[in-house]
Amino acid sequence: MTESTAAWQLPDGVDELLPADAWRVDQLRRQFTDCARHSGYELVMPPLIEYIDALLTGTGEATSLQTFKVVDQQSGRTLGVRADMTPQVARLDAHELRTDGPNRLCYTGTVLRARTDGYGGSRTPQQFGAELFGHAGNAADIEVIRLMLDTAGLAGLSNQSLVLDLGHVGVYQGLCTAAGFTDAEQRAVFTAMNRGSLPDMESALSSAQCSDGLKQAFVALLNLRGGSDVVEQAQAELLADAVTQDMPTGGAEVITAALHTLSDVIAAIQRSHEGVRLVIDLAELRGYRYHTGMLFAAYNEAGDVLARGGRYDAIGTAFGRDRPATGFSGDLTQLSRLAANAQDAFINSAPKQGVFVPNTKDLSVALEAALWQQVRNLRSSGTRVVLALPGDNSGPELYQCSHQLLQRDNDWCVEPITS
């Protein structure tokens, strides 16, 4: 690579948006914040950088590895460039926007990640998201999921083209609590579950001291993935007498509560978003050490992720305020690109019909005043108006203008450009 080439190339995974894509992403950003506001969510804008201990609160090792860290030359403390905005919004709920009731917050902004996800993803996503604090009931999860699906609809994706993946960490937690695993056994079972590997699961359970019924339940959990009937299947297989008879007090109740929550969410989404394909995956443990309840993600038919989230009640503890919390986030750039390829994609907001004003000179004071009044009127009505600069002979095509503002007698008239 020559020195001149290196000067203009961007680092791997760092994106920039040219006009057409930038207009599309910005339109989607504005539509999302309007949609969230109409649902009662307030817009917040957390800082790009803050103290590392606050930035990583509740998010675990994965976010720490993704976070750029620098030393603040003023305080000597370590700062982090945000890789995820959720902890920042939790801090705002706990302190700056403290309230005893539910707190609905939404946000958009660039985040920076130290590495890509391994699949060519961006290190500079335009993150969007919404968080609902202060309500532990199923209604909060349902509200957030509905907003997540509505956001996909803003991008021109119909309900019929959406897949909603649902899970609940309480099912796995309930079984683990009942099994009484050692730390080593817990790690082995967790790894097998994440891999979806039956041989690994059987190996991990071979030396465990739990009952055969519980071992069978962990094996069954690997295959509990499918439509809404998975919840009934889970009740039959995970709460059978052979499993529950050796459970300590409360073990079965944890699993029952998780399955009840799933049933409520499924029924609510089927009522509000008819046509969305539901996939229930009880072996999904994404963010297990971070999430405390429901897990959810929206995909298109090709399997591309549009947004994902879940319940994370413990996030506010480190900020001195233990509040229930649920929310979702996604990448506006990714969502807009997927929408651009969709059959029912939303219209690019870059103006396609503008008004071009050719070079004008030697105008009388009255004519110039009338020109500027006309330009202001057009712009205030939402019309794009481009004035040619002295010596600019590029013409209206360069500026995507379909009309011209021309002098006719003592007035200015908008006329179509004819070939």
Foldseek 3Di string as FASTA:
>chain_A
DDPVVVVPDDPQQADDDDDLLVLLLVVLVVVLVVLLVVVPAAEDDFDQKDAPVQLCFLQDDVQVQFWDWDADPVPRGIMTGHQDCVSVVLLCCLPVVDDQAKHKYKYWAWGATPDAPPPSHHRTFGKIKMKIWFDDDLVRVLSQVVSLVVSLVVQQQALQFKEKEKEWLLQVVLLCQQQVDDPQLVVQLLVCLVVLHLVSLCVSCVPGPGAPLSSQLSSVLSVLKDAPCSLVVNCCRCVPCSNPVSGDPPSVVSNVVQSVSVVVSVVSCCVVRPNHGYMYRHSDCVSVSFAHTMWMWMAGNVRDTAKIWHWGQQRNVVSVDRITMTMMMGGSSVSNVVSVPDPRGDDRPQDLAAEEEEDDPPDDPQLVVQVVVVVVVCVVVPHHYYYDDVPDPPDCVVVNHQWYFDDDPSHTDIGGDDD
